[in-house]
Amino acid sequence: MMNTPEVTAWYKQFWPWLIIFFPASAVVAGTITVIIAVQNSDTLVKDNWYKDGLAINQELDKQIAAKRMGIAAHITINRENNQLILSLDNIDPANIRTINVVLVHPTQPEKDAQYQAFFTPTGNYVAQLPAIPAGFFHLRIDADNTEWQLTGGINFSNTESATIQPK
């Protein structure tokens, strides 16, 4: 009579579990990746990219006009009062009483903000902010119904003043 080895159930053996582990882990990782992709959509791509491209030409024309007019902005950050103090070269405050200051965060659109700066008796424009933001922001300065615009960048974390000159 022959001795037959005792047969154990497949789920009590090591090799089937090792073979099942890799495909199962790929399914779990794929499911997690799909969940992350659905919950965190890409906000860097704009839906109206064609119109934005056309607007770039208009902005470039405004920046060229600012350079031709010699307009520049000197910005001071007043952290105690949460204010941006702007001094503009070659601007007549009698004609322009308010200017627009737009802060655009490079990667987080929820931090974008637009403020109006009003001309004060000190000879500067002052924009009141709820709080001084942290980090780097793109900055756009213009006035309503004008042909000029200034653009630049400012890092609120490590600077107290900046100068924006037309490009």
N, C-alpha and C. Protein backbone atom coordinates (compact mmCIF):
# COMPACT_ATOMS: atom_id res chain seq x y z
N MET A 1 0.81 -1.15 0.00
CA MET A 1 0.00 0.00 0.00
C MET A 1 0.88 1.24 0.00
N MET A 2 0.48 2.24 -0.77
CA MET A 2 1.28 3.46 -0.91
C MET A 2 0.84 4.51 0.09
N ASN A 3 1.85 5.21 0.51
CA ASN A 3 1.57 6.35 1.39
C ASN A 3 1.23 7.58 0.55
N THR A 4 0.09 8.09 0.73
CA THR A 4 -0.25 9.32 0.01
C THR A 4 -0.12 10.49 0.98
N PRO A 5 0.50 11.55 0.48
CA PRO A 5 0.66 12.71 1.38
C PRO A 5 -0.70 13.30 1.72
N GLU A 6 -0.75 13.86 2.88
CA GLU A 6 -2.00 14.47 3.32
C GLU A 6 -2.22 15.75 2.53
N VAL A 7 -3.40 15.91 1.98
CA VAL A 7 -3.72 17.07 1.17
C VAL A 7 -4.32 18.15 2.07
N THR A 8 -3.70 19.37 1.99
CA THR A 8 -4.24 20.49 2.77
C THR A 8 -5.02 21.41 1.83
N ALA A 9 -5.95 22.12 2.40
CA ALA A 9 -6.78 23.03 1.61
C ALA A 9 -5.89 24.13 1.02
N TRP A 10 -6.31 24.66 -0.13
CA TRP A 10 -5.48 25.64 -0.84
C TRP A 10 -5.29 26.91 -0.02
N TYR A 11 -6.29 27.32 0.74
CA TYR A 11 -6.21 28.57 1.48
C TYR A 11 -5.31 28.47 2.71
N LYS A 12 -4.87 27.27 3.02
CA LYS A 12 -3.94 27.09 4.12
C LYS A 12 -2.49 27.04 3.64
N GLN A 13 -2.29 27.21 2.35
CA GLN A 13 -0.95 27.17 1.78
C GLN A 13 -0.46 28.58 1.48
N PHE A 14 0.85 28.75 1.43
CA PHE A 14 1.49 30.05 1.23
C PHE A 14 1.40 30.54 -0.21
N TRP A 15 1.67 29.71 -1.19
CA TRP A 15 1.81 30.13 -2.59
C TRP A 15 0.55 30.73 -3.21
N PRO A 16 -0.61 30.21 -3.00
CA PRO A 16 -1.79 30.87 -3.58
C PRO A 16 -1.97 32.30 -3.06
N TRP A 17 -1.70 32.52 -1.77
CA TRP A 17 -1.84 33.86 -1.21
C TRP A 17 -0.81 34.82 -1.79
N LEU A 18 0.39 34.32 -2.02
CA LEU A 18 1.41 35.16 -2.65
C LEU A 18 1.00 35.53 -4.07
N ILE A 19 0.44 34.62 -4.81
CA ILE A 19 0.01 34.89 -6.18
C ILE A 19 -1.19 35.85 -6.18
N ILE A 20 -2.10 35.75 -5.24
CA ILE A 20 -3.28 36.61 -5.17
C ILE A 20 -2.91 38.02 -4.69
N PHE A 21 -1.88 38.14 -3.86
CA PHE A 21 -1.52 39.43 -3.25
C PHE A 21 -1.25 40.52 -4.28
N PHE A 22 -0.45 40.25 -5.30
CA PHE A 22 -0.05 41.30 -6.25
C PHE A 22 -1.21 41.82 -7.09
N PRO A 23 -2.03 40.98 -7.70
CA PRO A 23 -3.18 41.55 -8.42
C PRO A 23 -4.17 42.27 -7.49
N ALA A 24 -4.36 41.76 -6.29
CA ALA A 24 -5.29 42.41 -5.35
C ALA A 24 -4.76 43.78 -4.94
N SER A 25 -3.47 43.89 -4.71
CA SER A 25 -2.90 45.19 -4.32
C SER A 25 -2.99 46.18 -5.49
N ALA A 26 -2.87 45.70 -6.72
CA ALA A 26 -3.01 46.59 -7.88
C ALA A 26 -4.45 47.09 -8.00
N VAL A 27 -5.43 46.25 -7.71
CA VAL A 27 -6.83 46.67 -7.75
C VAL A 27 -7.10 47.71 -6.67
N VAL A 28 -6.58 47.52 -5.48
CA VAL A 28 -6.78 48.48 -4.39
C VAL A 28 -6.11 49.80 -4.73
N ALA A 29 -4.87 49.78 -5.22
CA ALA A 29 -4.16 51.00 -5.58
C ALA A 29 -4.88 51.73 -6.72
N GLY A 30 -5.38 51.01 -7.68
CA GLY A 30 -6.12 51.63 -8.79
C GLY A 30 -7.40 52.29 -8.31
N THR A 31 -8.11 51.64 -7.40
CA THR A 31 -9.33 52.21 -6.84
C THR A 31 -9.03 53.48 -6.06
N ILE A 32 -7.98 53.48 -5.26
CA ILE A 32 -7.59 54.67 -4.51
C ILE A 32 -7.21 55.80 -5.47
N THR A 33 -6.50 55.49 -6.53
CA THR A 33 -6.11 56.50 -7.52
C THR A 33 -7.32 57.13 -8.19
N VAL A 34 -8.31 56.32 -8.54
CA VAL A 34 -9.53 56.84 -9.17
C VAL A 34 -10.28 57.73 -8.18
N ILE A 35 -10.37 57.34 -6.94
CA ILE A 35 -11.06 58.16 -5.93
C ILE A 35 -10.36 59.51 -5.77
N ILE A 36 -9.04 59.52 -5.69
CA ILE A 36 -8.29 60.77 -5.55
C ILE A 36 -8.49 61.64 -6.79
N ALA A 37 -8.46 61.06 -7.95
CA ALA A 37 -8.62 61.84 -9.20
C ALA A 37 -10.01 62.45 -9.31
N VAL A 38 -11.03 61.75 -8.87
CA VAL A 38 -12.40 62.26 -8.96
C VAL A 38 -12.63 63.37 -7.93
N GLN A 39 -12.09 63.21 -6.72
CA GLN A 39 -12.32 64.19 -5.66
C GLN A 39 -11.50 65.46 -5.85
N ASN A 40 -10.34 65.40 -6.49
CA ASN A 40 -9.46 66.55 -6.65
C ASN A 40 -9.26 66.85 -8.12
N SER A 41 -10.20 67.60 -8.68
CA SER A 41 -10.10 67.90 -10.10
C SER A 41 -8.99 68.92 -10.35
N ASP A 42 -8.48 68.94 -11.56
CA ASP A 42 -7.40 69.84 -11.95
C ASP A 42 -7.98 71.21 -12.25
N THR A 43 -7.63 72.22 -11.44
CA THR A 43 -8.18 73.56 -11.63
C THR A 43 -7.24 74.45 -12.42
N LEU A 44 -6.09 73.97 -12.83
CA LEU A 44 -5.15 74.80 -13.54
C LEU A 44 -5.51 74.98 -15.01
N VAL A 45 -6.31 74.08 -15.55
CA VAL A 45 -6.71 74.18 -16.95
C VAL A 45 -8.04 74.92 -17.00
N LYS A 46 -8.10 76.00 -17.78
CA LYS A 46 -9.32 76.81 -17.85
C LYS A 46 -10.18 76.35 -19.01
N ASP A 47 -11.49 76.48 -18.81
CA ASP A 47 -12.43 76.08 -19.85
C ASP A 47 -12.44 77.07 -21.02
N ASN A 48 -12.25 78.34 -20.73
CA ASN A 48 -12.32 79.35 -21.78
C ASN A 48 -10.92 79.79 -22.19
N TRP A 49 -10.08 78.84 -22.49
CA TRP A 49 -8.67 79.12 -22.80
C TRP A 49 -8.52 79.95 -24.07
N TYR A 50 -9.41 79.81 -25.02
CA TYR A 50 -9.30 80.58 -26.26
C TYR A 50 -9.51 82.07 -25.99
N LYS A 51 -10.54 82.40 -25.23
CA LYS A 51 -10.79 83.79 -24.88
C LYS A 51 -9.66 84.35 -24.02
N ASP A 52 -9.12 83.53 -23.14
CA ASP A 52 -7.98 83.97 -22.33
C ASP A 52 -6.78 84.28 -23.21
N GLY A 53 -6.58 83.48 -24.24
CA GLY A 53 -5.47 83.73 -25.16
C GLY A 53 -5.64 85.03 -25.92
N LEU A 54 -6.86 85.34 -26.31
CA LEU A 54 -7.12 86.62 -26.98
C LEU A 54 -6.91 87.79 -26.03
N ALA A 55 -7.27 87.60 -24.77
CA ALA A 55 -7.12 88.68 -23.78
C ALA A 55 -5.65 88.97 -23.48
N ILE A 56 -4.79 87.99 -23.67
CA ILE A 56 -3.36 88.20 -23.41
C ILE A 56 -2.82 89.29 -24.32
N ASN A 57 -3.25 89.32 -25.57
CA ASN A 57 -2.78 90.36 -26.48
C ASN A 57 -3.21 91.74 -26.00
N GLN A 58 -4.42 91.86 -25.48
CA GLN A 58 -4.87 93.15 -24.96
C GLN A 58 -4.06 93.55 -23.73
N GLU A 59 -3.75 92.58 -22.86
CA GLU A 59 -2.94 92.88 -21.68
C GLU A 59 -1.54 93.31 -22.09
N LEU A 60 -0.97 92.67 -23.10
CA LEU A 60 0.36 93.06 -23.56
C LEU A 60 0.36 94.49 -24.10
N ASP A 61 -0.70 94.86 -24.81
CA ASP A 61 -0.81 96.23 -25.31
C ASP A 61 -0.87 97.22 -24.15
N LYS A 62 -1.59 96.87 -23.08
CA LYS A 62 -1.69 97.75 -21.91
C LYS A 62 -0.34 97.86 -21.19
N GLN A 63 0.41 96.77 -21.15
CA GLN A 63 1.72 96.82 -20.50
C GLN A 63 2.71 97.65 -21.33
N ILE A 64 2.61 97.55 -22.64
CA ILE A 64 3.46 98.37 -23.51
C ILE A 64 3.11 99.85 -23.32
N ALA A 65 1.82 100.15 -23.19
CA ALA A 65 1.40 101.53 -22.96
C ALA A 65 1.92 102.04 -21.62
N ALA A 66 1.92 101.19 -20.59
CA ALA A 66 2.45 101.59 -19.28
C ALA A 66 3.94 101.90 -19.37
N LYS A 67 4.66 101.10 -20.14
CA LYS A 67 6.09 101.35 -20.32
C LYS A 67 6.31 102.66 -21.08
N ARG A 68 5.53 102.89 -22.11
CA ARG A 68 5.64 104.12 -22.89
C ARG A 68 5.32 105.35 -22.03
N MET A 69 4.36 105.22 -21.11
CA MET A 69 3.96 106.33 -20.25
C MET A 69 4.88 106.49 -19.03
N GLY A 70 5.75 105.51 -18.80
CA GLY A 70 6.68 105.58 -17.66
C GLY A 70 6.03 105.30 -16.32
N ILE A 71 4.99 104.48 -16.33
CA ILE A 71 4.27 104.18 -15.09
C ILE A 71 4.98 103.04 -14.37
N ALA A 72 5.17 103.22 -13.07
CA ALA A 72 5.74 102.18 -12.21
C ALA A 72 5.05 102.27 -10.86
N ALA A 73 5.02 101.18 -10.13
CA ALA A 73 4.38 101.14 -8.82
C ALA A 73 5.40 100.74 -7.77
N HIS A 74 5.41 101.49 -6.68
CA HIS A 74 6.25 101.16 -5.52
C HIS A 74 5.29 100.75 -4.40
N ILE A 75 5.42 99.52 -3.95
CA ILE A 75 4.46 98.95 -3.01
C ILE A 75 5.13 98.76 -1.65
N THR A 76 4.46 99.22 -0.61
CA THR A 76 4.90 99.01 0.76
C THR A 76 3.81 98.22 1.48
N ILE A 77 4.22 97.22 2.24
CA ILE A 77 3.27 96.40 2.99
C ILE A 77 3.21 96.92 4.43
N ASN A 78 2.03 97.34 4.85
CA ASN A 78 1.81 97.77 6.23
C ASN A 78 1.13 96.61 6.96
N ARG A 79 1.91 95.82 7.66
CA ARG A 79 1.39 94.61 8.31
C ARG A 79 0.53 94.93 9.52
N GLU A 80 0.78 96.04 10.18
CA GLU A 80 0.00 96.40 11.37
C GLU A 80 -1.45 96.72 11.01
N ASN A 81 -1.66 97.40 9.88
CA ASN A 81 -3.00 97.80 9.47
C ASN A 81 -3.56 96.96 8.32
N ASN A 82 -2.83 95.93 7.90
CA ASN A 82 -3.24 95.08 6.77
C ASN A 82 -3.50 95.91 5.52
N GLN A 83 -2.52 96.72 5.14
CA GLN A 83 -2.68 97.60 4.00
C GLN A 83 -1.54 97.43 3.01
N LEU A 84 -1.89 97.63 1.73
CA LEU A 84 -0.89 97.79 0.69
C LEU A 84 -0.88 99.27 0.34
N ILE A 85 0.27 99.88 0.44
CA ILE A 85 0.42 101.30 0.13
C ILE A 85 1.16 101.39 -1.19
N LEU A 86 0.52 102.01 -2.19
CA LEU A 86 1.08 102.07 -3.53
C LEU A 86 1.39 103.52 -3.91
N SER A 87 2.58 103.72 -4.40
CA SER A 87 2.97 105.00 -4.96
C SER A 87 3.19 104.78 -6.45
N LEU A 88 2.45 105.50 -7.29
CA LEU A 88 2.51 105.31 -8.73
C LEU A 88 3.22 106.48 -9.39
N ASP A 89 4.20 106.17 -10.24
CA ASP A 89 4.91 107.19 -11.01
C ASP A 89 4.09 107.56 -12.24
N ASN A 90 4.07 108.85 -12.56
CA ASN A 90 3.45 109.39 -13.78
C ASN A 90 1.95 109.12 -13.87
N ILE A 91 1.27 109.16 -12.73
CA ILE A 91 -0.18 109.03 -12.69
C ILE A 91 -0.75 110.31 -12.09
N ASP A 92 -1.77 110.86 -12.73
CA ASP A 92 -2.42 112.06 -12.23
C ASP A 92 -3.57 111.65 -11.31
N PRO A 93 -3.41 111.83 -9.99
CA PRO A 93 -4.47 111.40 -9.07
C PRO A 93 -5.76 112.21 -9.21
N ALA A 94 -5.71 113.36 -9.85
CA ALA A 94 -6.94 114.12 -10.07
C ALA A 94 -7.86 113.38 -11.04
N ASN A 95 -7.28 112.64 -11.98
CA ASN A 95 -8.08 111.87 -12.95
C ASN A 95 -8.35 110.44 -12.48
N ILE A 96 -7.44 109.89 -11.71
CA ILE A 96 -7.57 108.49 -11.28
C ILE A 96 -7.59 108.47 -9.75
N ARG A 97 -8.78 108.34 -9.18
CA ARG A 97 -8.94 108.35 -7.72
C ARG A 97 -8.82 106.95 -7.12
N THR A 98 -9.12 105.92 -7.90
CA THR A 98 -9.01 104.55 -7.41
C THR A 98 -8.28 103.70 -8.45
N ILE A 99 -7.58 102.70 -7.96
CA ILE A 99 -6.94 101.73 -8.84
C ILE A 99 -7.31 100.33 -8.37
N ASN A 100 -7.25 99.39 -9.28
CA ASN A 100 -7.57 97.99 -8.98
C ASN A 100 -6.27 97.23 -8.71
N VAL A 101 -6.28 96.46 -7.66
CA VAL A 101 -5.14 95.61 -7.31
C VAL A 101 -5.66 94.17 -7.26
N VAL A 102 -5.13 93.33 -8.13
CA VAL A 102 -5.57 91.94 -8.21
C VAL A 102 -4.40 91.04 -7.79
N LEU A 103 -4.65 90.19 -6.81
CA LEU A 103 -3.66 89.21 -6.35
C LEU A 103 -4.09 87.84 -6.85
N VAL A 104 -3.20 87.17 -7.57
CA VAL A 104 -3.50 85.85 -8.14
C VAL A 104 -2.47 84.86 -7.62
N HIS A 105 -2.94 83.86 -6.91
CA HIS A 105 -2.04 82.82 -6.42
C HIS A 105 -1.70 81.87 -7.57
N PRO A 106 -0.44 81.46 -7.69
CA PRO A 106 -0.05 80.63 -8.84
C PRO A 106 -0.73 79.27 -8.91
N THR A 107 -1.08 78.68 -7.77
CA THR A 107 -1.62 77.32 -7.81
C THR A 107 -2.93 77.14 -7.07
N GLN A 108 -3.36 78.11 -6.27
CA GLN A 108 -4.57 77.95 -5.48
C GLN A 108 -5.56 79.08 -5.79
N PRO A 109 -6.46 78.85 -6.74
CA PRO A 109 -7.36 79.93 -7.17
C PRO A 109 -8.28 80.43 -6.06
N GLU A 110 -8.51 79.63 -5.03
CA GLU A 110 -9.38 80.09 -3.94
C GLU A 110 -8.73 81.23 -3.14
N LYS A 111 -7.43 81.43 -3.30
CA LYS A 111 -6.72 82.53 -2.62
C LYS A 111 -6.66 83.81 -3.45
N ASP A 112 -7.16 83.77 -4.70
CA ASP A 112 -7.17 84.96 -5.54
C ASP A 112 -8.08 86.01 -4.92
N ALA A 113 -7.70 87.28 -5.08
CA ALA A 113 -8.50 88.37 -4.51
C ALA A 113 -8.32 89.63 -5.33
N GLN A 114 -9.33 90.49 -5.28
CA GLN A 114 -9.27 91.77 -5.98
C GLN A 114 -9.65 92.86 -4.98
N TYR A 115 -8.87 93.94 -4.97
CA TYR A 115 -9.09 95.04 -4.05
C TYR A 115 -9.06 96.36 -4.82
N GLN A 116 -9.66 97.38 -4.22
CA GLN A 116 -9.56 98.72 -4.75
C GLN A 116 -8.69 99.53 -3.82
N ALA A 117 -7.77 100.29 -4.41
CA ALA A 117 -6.91 101.18 -3.64
C ALA A 117 -7.39 102.60 -3.90
N PHE A 118 -7.57 103.35 -2.83
CA PHE A 118 -8.08 104.71 -2.92
C PHE A 118 -6.95 105.71 -2.70
N PHE A 119 -7.03 106.83 -3.41
CA PHE A 119 -6.03 107.88 -3.26
C PHE A 119 -6.24 108.57 -1.92
N THR A 120 -5.16 108.78 -1.19
CA THR A 120 -5.23 109.39 0.13
C THR A 120 -4.52 110.75 0.11
N PRO A 121 -4.76 111.58 1.12
CA PRO A 121 -4.09 112.89 1.18
C PRO A 121 -2.56 112.79 1.29
N THR A 122 -2.05 111.63 1.65
CA THR A 122 -0.59 111.47 1.75
C THR A 122 0.06 111.34 0.38
N GLY A 123 -0.75 111.26 -0.68
CA GLY A 123 -0.23 111.14 -2.03
C GLY A 123 -0.04 109.72 -2.50
N ASN A 124 -0.55 108.77 -1.75
CA ASN A 124 -0.43 107.36 -2.10
C ASN A 124 -1.82 106.75 -2.27
N TYR A 125 -1.84 105.59 -2.90
CA TYR A 125 -3.06 104.79 -2.98
C TYR A 125 -2.96 103.71 -1.90
N VAL A 126 -4.06 103.47 -1.19
CA VAL A 126 -4.05 102.49 -0.11
C VAL A 126 -5.16 101.47 -0.36
N ALA A 127 -4.77 100.20 -0.32
CA ALA A 127 -5.73 99.08 -0.43
C ALA A 127 -5.82 98.41 0.92
N GLN A 128 -7.02 98.31 1.46
CA GLN A 128 -7.26 97.67 2.75
C GLN A 128 -7.52 96.18 2.52
N LEU A 129 -6.71 95.32 3.12
CA LEU A 129 -6.86 93.88 2.99
C LEU A 129 -7.42 93.31 4.29
N PRO A 130 -8.19 92.22 4.24
CA PRO A 130 -8.64 91.59 5.48
C PRO A 130 -7.47 91.05 6.28
N ALA A 131 -6.46 90.55 5.59
CA ALA A 131 -5.23 90.06 6.21
C ALA A 131 -4.15 90.03 5.13
N ILE A 132 -2.92 90.22 5.54
CA ILE A 132 -1.82 90.14 4.60
C ILE A 132 -1.61 88.65 4.27
N PRO A 133 -1.70 88.27 3.01
CA PRO A 133 -1.54 86.85 2.66
C PRO A 133 -0.09 86.41 2.83
N ALA A 134 0.11 85.13 2.85
CA ALA A 134 1.45 84.56 2.93
C ALA A 134 1.81 83.93 1.59
N GLY A 135 3.08 84.01 1.25
CA GLY A 135 3.55 83.37 0.03
C GLY A 135 3.60 84.30 -1.15
N PHE A 136 3.88 83.71 -2.32
CA PHE A 136 4.05 84.46 -3.56
C PHE A 136 2.71 84.63 -4.27
N PHE A 137 2.50 85.83 -4.82
CA PHE A 137 1.30 86.13 -5.60
C PHE A 137 1.71 86.89 -6.85
N HIS A 138 0.99 86.64 -7.96
CA HIS A 138 1.09 87.49 -9.13
C HIS A 138 0.24 88.72 -8.84
N LEU A 139 0.70 89.86 -9.30
CA LEU A 139 0.04 91.12 -8.99
C LEU A 139 -0.30 91.84 -10.28
N ARG A 140 -1.53 92.36 -10.36
CA ARG A 140 -1.93 93.16 -11.52
C ARG A 140 -2.51 94.47 -11.00
N ILE A 141 -2.02 95.57 -11.53
CA ILE A 141 -2.46 96.90 -11.12
C ILE A 141 -2.96 97.63 -12.36
N ASP A 142 -4.17 98.18 -12.28
CA ASP A 142 -4.69 99.00 -13.37
C ASP A 142 -5.79 99.89 -12.81
N ALA A 143 -6.30 100.74 -13.64
CA ALA A 143 -7.42 101.61 -13.27
C ALA A 143 -8.55 101.36 -14.25
N ASP A 144 -9.76 101.64 -13.82
CA ASP A 144 -10.91 101.46 -14.71
C ASP A 144 -10.79 102.39 -15.91
N ASN A 145 -11.11 101.86 -17.07
CA ASN A 145 -11.15 102.64 -18.31
C ASN A 145 -9.82 103.32 -18.65
N THR A 146 -8.72 102.65 -18.38
CA THR A 146 -7.42 103.17 -18.78
C THR A 146 -6.75 102.21 -19.74
N GLU A 147 -5.77 102.71 -20.44
CA GLU A 147 -5.09 101.89 -21.43
C GLU A 147 -3.80 101.29 -20.90
N TRP A 148 -3.52 101.43 -19.61
CA TRP A 148 -2.28 100.89 -19.05
C TRP A 148 -2.59 99.81 -18.00
N GLN A 149 -1.56 98.97 -17.77
CA GLN A 149 -1.65 97.91 -16.78
C GLN A 149 -0.24 97.51 -16.36
N LEU A 150 -0.06 97.28 -15.08
CA LEU A 150 1.22 96.78 -14.57
C LEU A 150 1.03 95.37 -14.05
N THR A 151 2.00 94.50 -14.31
CA THR A 151 1.96 93.14 -13.79
C THR A 151 3.32 92.81 -13.20
N GLY A 152 3.30 91.99 -12.20
CA GLY A 152 4.55 91.56 -11.55
C GLY A 152 4.24 90.53 -10.50
N GLY A 153 5.17 90.34 -9.60
CA GLY A 153 5.00 89.38 -8.53
C GLY A 153 5.47 89.96 -7.22
N ILE A 154 4.91 89.45 -6.14
CA ILE A 154 5.32 89.89 -4.81
C ILE A 154 5.24 88.70 -3.87
N ASN A 155 6.26 88.57 -3.03
CA ASN A 155 6.29 87.51 -2.04
C ASN A 155 6.00 88.14 -0.68
N PHE A 156 4.81 87.93 -0.17
CA PHE A 156 4.41 88.55 1.08
C PHE A 156 5.13 87.96 2.28
N SER A 157 5.70 86.79 2.14
CA SER A 157 6.34 86.13 3.28
C SER A 157 7.68 86.73 3.65
N ASN A 158 8.41 87.27 2.67
CA ASN A 158 9.77 87.71 2.99
C ASN A 158 10.12 89.08 2.43
N THR A 159 9.13 89.95 2.25
CA THR A 159 9.44 91.28 1.76
C THR A 159 8.52 92.30 2.42
N GLU A 160 9.01 93.51 2.53
CA GLU A 160 8.21 94.61 3.07
C GLU A 160 7.84 95.61 2.00
N SER A 161 8.54 95.56 0.86
CA SER A 161 8.25 96.49 -0.23
C SER A 161 8.67 95.85 -1.55
N ALA A 162 8.10 96.38 -2.62
CA ALA A 162 8.42 95.86 -3.97
C ALA A 162 8.18 96.98 -4.97
N THR A 163 8.83 96.85 -6.11
CA THR A 163 8.63 97.78 -7.21
C THR A 163 8.17 96.99 -8.42
N ILE A 164 7.10 97.44 -9.03
CA ILE A 164 6.56 96.81 -10.23
C ILE A 164 6.77 97.78 -11.39
N GLN A 165 7.54 97.36 -12.35
CA GLN A 165 7.79 98.18 -13.53
C GLN A 165 7.26 97.45 -14.75
N PRO A 166 6.86 98.22 -15.77
CA PRO A 166 6.32 97.56 -16.96
C PRO A 166 7.41 96.75 -17.67
N LYS A 167 6.97 95.68 -18.27
CA LYS A 167 7.90 94.77 -18.95
C LYS A 167 8.06 95.16 -20.40
